[in-house]
């Protein structure tokens, strides 16, 4: 399955609260929440010195992917475009020797 195929399937499950000025509020906040859930699992690795079940990590990453997909849609783009843009940006940074720098503009 490619990104756009995933995105077109995932959108069918979207159910947003009513009375929002934009669904991007819901999707972006949901994305942050799901990343937080993944970080909580990573925190427990440090605390308990035990890796979580692989399925638990896949589940959290899937939730992150869903919210990322819907956020991209709400901002008028698709995951293929996001992925292509990101690879192009990283390749450019690598070619200019600034891949290890910090900040968005480098």
C-alpha atoms as a PDB file:
ATOM      1  CA  UNK A   1       0.000   0.000   0.000  1.00  0.00           C
ATOM      2  CA  UNK A   2       1.359   3.440  -0.842  1.00  0.00           C
ATOM      3  CA  UNK A   3       0.770   6.629   1.127  1.00  0.00           C
ATOM      4  CA  UNK A   4      -2.053   7.973  -1.007  1.00  0.00           C
ATOM      5  CA  UNK A   5      -3.861   4.645  -0.989  1.00  0.00           C
ATOM      6  CA  UNK A   6      -3.568   4.601   2.809  1.00  0.00           C
ATOM      7  CA  UNK A   7      -4.828   8.166   3.009  1.00  0.00           C
ATOM      8  CA  UNK A   8      -7.867   7.510   0.831  1.00  0.00           C
ATOM      9  CA  UNK A   9      -8.771   4.475   2.962  1.00  0.00           C
ATOM     10  CA  UNK A  10      -8.098   6.182   6.292  1.00  0.00           C
ATOM     11  CA  UNK A  11     -10.271   9.207   5.514  1.00  0.00           C
ATOM     12  CA  UNK A  12     -13.301   6.935   5.404  1.00  0.00           C
ATOM     13  CA  UNK A  13     -12.975   6.446   9.161  1.00  0.00           C
ATOM     14  CA  UNK A  14     -12.751  10.157  10.024  1.00  0.00           C
ATOM     15  CA  UNK A  15     -15.381  11.377  12.460  1.00  0.00           C
ATOM     16  CA  UNK A  16     -14.826  14.937  13.648  1.00  0.00           C
ATOM     17  CA  UNK A  17     -16.618  16.904  16.354  1.00  0.00           C
ATOM     18  CA  UNK A  18     -19.207  19.367  15.124  1.00  0.00           C
ATOM     19  CA  UNK A  19     -18.825  23.152  15.344  1.00  0.00           C
ATOM     20  CA  UNK A  20     -15.089  23.313  14.669  1.00  0.00           C
ATOM     21  CA  UNK A  21     -13.829  26.171  12.533  1.00  0.00           C
ATOM     22  CA  UNK A  22     -11.437  23.701  10.941  1.00  0.00           C
ATOM     23  CA  UNK A  23     -10.907  19.990  11.342  1.00  0.00           C
ATOM     24  CA  UNK A  24      -7.165  20.631  11.395  1.00  0.00           C
ATOM     25  CA  UNK A  25      -7.499  21.621  15.071  1.00  0.00           C
ATOM     26  CA  UNK A  26      -8.829  18.183  15.908  1.00  0.00           C
ATOM     27  CA  UNK A  27      -6.345  16.290  13.754  1.00  0.00           C
ATOM     28  CA  UNK A  28      -3.305  18.258  14.879  1.00  0.00           C
ATOM     29  CA  UNK A  29      -4.154  17.945  18.563  1.00  0.00           C
ATOM     30  CA  UNK A  30      -4.882  14.246  18.031  1.00  0.00           C
ATOM     31  CA  UNK A  31      -1.493  13.842  16.359  1.00  0.00           C
ATOM     32  CA  UNK A  32       0.249  15.417  19.345  1.00  0.00           C
ATOM     33  CA  UNK A  33      -1.696  13.157  21.710  1.00  0.00           C
ATOM     34  CA  UNK A  34      -0.719  10.015  19.838  1.00  0.00           C
ATOM     35  CA  UNK A  35       2.940  11.066  19.748  1.00  0.00           C
ATOM     36  CA  UNK A  36       2.615  11.554  23.499  1.00  0.00           C
ATOM     37  CA  UNK A  37       1.347   7.990  23.866  1.00  0.00           C
ATOM     38  CA  UNK A  38       4.371   6.692  21.943  1.00  0.00           C
ATOM     39  CA  UNK A  39       6.689   8.801  24.100  1.00  0.00           C
ATOM     40  CA  UNK A  40       5.076   7.349  27.208  1.00  0.00           C
ATOM     41  CA  UNK A  41       5.962   3.862  25.980  1.00  0.00           C
ATOM     42  CA  UNK A  42       9.548   4.998  25.356  1.00  0.00           C
ATOM     43  CA  UNK A  43       9.661   6.483  28.865  1.00  0.00           C
ATOM     44  CA  UNK A  44       8.645   3.126  30.268  1.00  0.00           C
ATOM     45  CA  UNK A  45      11.500   1.458  28.365  1.00  0.00           C
ATOM     46  CA  UNK A  46      13.905   3.694  30.287  1.00  0.00           C
ATOM     47  CA  UNK A  47      12.097   3.123  33.575  1.00  0.00           C
ATOM     48  CA  UNK A  48      11.458  -0.616  33.342  1.00  0.00           C
ATOM     49  CA  UNK A  49      14.430  -1.593  31.150  1.00  0.00           C
ATOM     50  CA  UNK A  50      12.014  -3.640  29.038  1.00  0.00           C
ATOM     51  CA  UNK A  51      10.916  -3.213  25.451  1.00  0.00           C
ATOM     52  CA  UNK A  52       7.160  -3.029  24.831  1.00  0.00           C
ATOM     53  CA  UNK A  53       5.448  -5.546  22.627  1.00  0.00           C
ATOM     54  CA  UNK A  54       6.124  -4.908  18.937  1.00  0.00           C
ATOM     55  CA  UNK A  55       2.379  -4.827  18.279  1.00  0.00           C
ATOM     56  CA  UNK A  56       1.947  -2.006  20.826  1.00  0.00           C
ATOM     57  CA  UNK A  57       4.512   0.144  19.005  1.00  0.00           C
ATOM     58  CA  UNK A  58       2.972  -0.641  15.610  1.00  0.00           C
ATOM     59  CA  UNK A  59      -0.438   0.317  16.988  1.00  0.00           C
ATOM     60  CA  UNK A  60       0.818   3.686  18.265  1.00  0.00           C
ATOM     61  CA  UNK A  61       2.665   4.371  15.002  1.00  0.00           C
ATOM     62  CA  UNK A  62      -0.516   3.529  13.111  1.00  0.00           C
ATOM     63  CA  UNK A  63      -2.487   6.018  15.194  1.00  0.00           C
ATOM     64  CA  UNK A  64       0.189   8.645  14.510  1.00  0.00           C
ATOM     65  CA  UNK A  65       0.024   7.849  10.788  1.00  0.00           C
ATOM     66  CA  UNK A  66      -3.765   8.237  10.802  1.00  0.00           C
ATOM     67  CA  UNK A  67      -3.662  11.674  12.417  1.00  0.00           C
ATOM     68  CA  UNK A  68      -0.728  12.734  10.212  1.00  0.00           C
ATOM     69  CA  UNK A  69      -2.661  11.613   7.149  1.00  0.00           C
ATOM     70  CA  UNK A  70      -5.783  13.515   8.146  1.00  0.00           C
ATOM     71  CA  UNK A  71      -3.805  16.625   9.114  1.00  0.00           C
ATOM     72  CA  UNK A  72      -2.152  16.635   5.688  1.00  0.00           C
ATOM     73  CA  UNK A  73      -5.582  16.313   4.078  1.00  0.00           C
ATOM     74  CA  UNK A  74      -6.979  19.172   6.139  1.00  0.00           C
ATOM     75  CA  UNK A  75      -4.113  21.369   4.927  1.00  0.00           C
ATOM     76  CA  UNK A  76      -4.742  20.407   1.306  1.00  0.00           C
ATOM     77  CA  UNK A  77      -1.912  17.977   0.664  1.00  0.00           C
ATOM     78  CA  UNK A  78      -1.365  14.255   0.587  1.00  0.00           C
ATOM     79  CA  UNK A  79       1.192  11.983   2.201  1.00  0.00           C
ATOM     80  CA  UNK A  80       2.999  11.293  -1.074  1.00  0.00           C
ATOM     81  CA  UNK A  81       3.651  15.011  -1.506  1.00  0.00           C
ATOM     82  CA  UNK A  82       4.785  15.329   2.114  1.00  0.00           C
ATOM     83  CA  UNK A  83       7.146  12.359   1.766  1.00  0.00           C
ATOM     84  CA  UNK A  84       8.598  13.593  -1.544  1.00  0.00           C
ATOM     85  CA  UNK A  85       9.126  17.089  -0.152  1.00  0.00           C
ATOM     86  CA  UNK A  86      10.837  15.737   2.947  1.00  0.00           C
ATOM     87  CA  UNK A  87      13.230  13.486   1.008  1.00  0.00           C
ATOM     88  CA  UNK A  88      14.103  16.377  -1.328  1.00  0.00           C
ATOM     89  CA  UNK A  89      14.781  18.655   1.661  1.00  0.00           C
ATOM     90  CA  UNK A  90      16.949  16.058   3.406  1.00  0.00           C
ATOM     91  CA  UNK A  91      18.887  15.264   0.229  1.00  0.00           C
ATOM     92  CA  UNK A  92      19.577  18.982  -0.256  1.00  0.00           C
ATOM     93  CA  UNK A  93      20.808  19.314   3.338  1.00  0.00           C
ATOM     94  CA  UNK A  94      23.034  16.257   2.918  1.00  0.00           C
ATOM     95  CA  UNK A  95      24.507  17.652  -0.296  1.00  0.00           C
ATOM     96  CA  UNK A  96      25.239  20.975   1.403  1.00  0.00           C
ATOM     97  CA  UNK A  97      26.726  19.282   4.476  1.00  0.00           C
ATOM     98  CA  UNK A  98      24.154  20.660   6.929  1.00  0.00           C
ATOM     99  CA  UNK A  99      22.230  17.494   7.741  1.00  0.00           C
ATOM    100  CA  UNK A 100      23.523  17.589  11.336  1.00  0.00           C
ATOM    101  CA  UNK A 101      22.661  21.227  11.931  1.00  0.00           C
ATOM    102  CA  UNK A 102      19.667  22.545  13.790  1.00  0.00           C
ATOM    103  CA  UNK A 103      16.771  24.699  12.753  1.00  0.00           C
ATOM    104  CA  UNK A 104      14.391  24.541   9.839  1.00  0.00           C
ATOM    105  CA  UNK A 105      16.296  26.941   7.603  1.00  0.00           C
ATOM    106  CA  UNK A 106      19.800  25.625   6.953  1.00  0.00           C
END
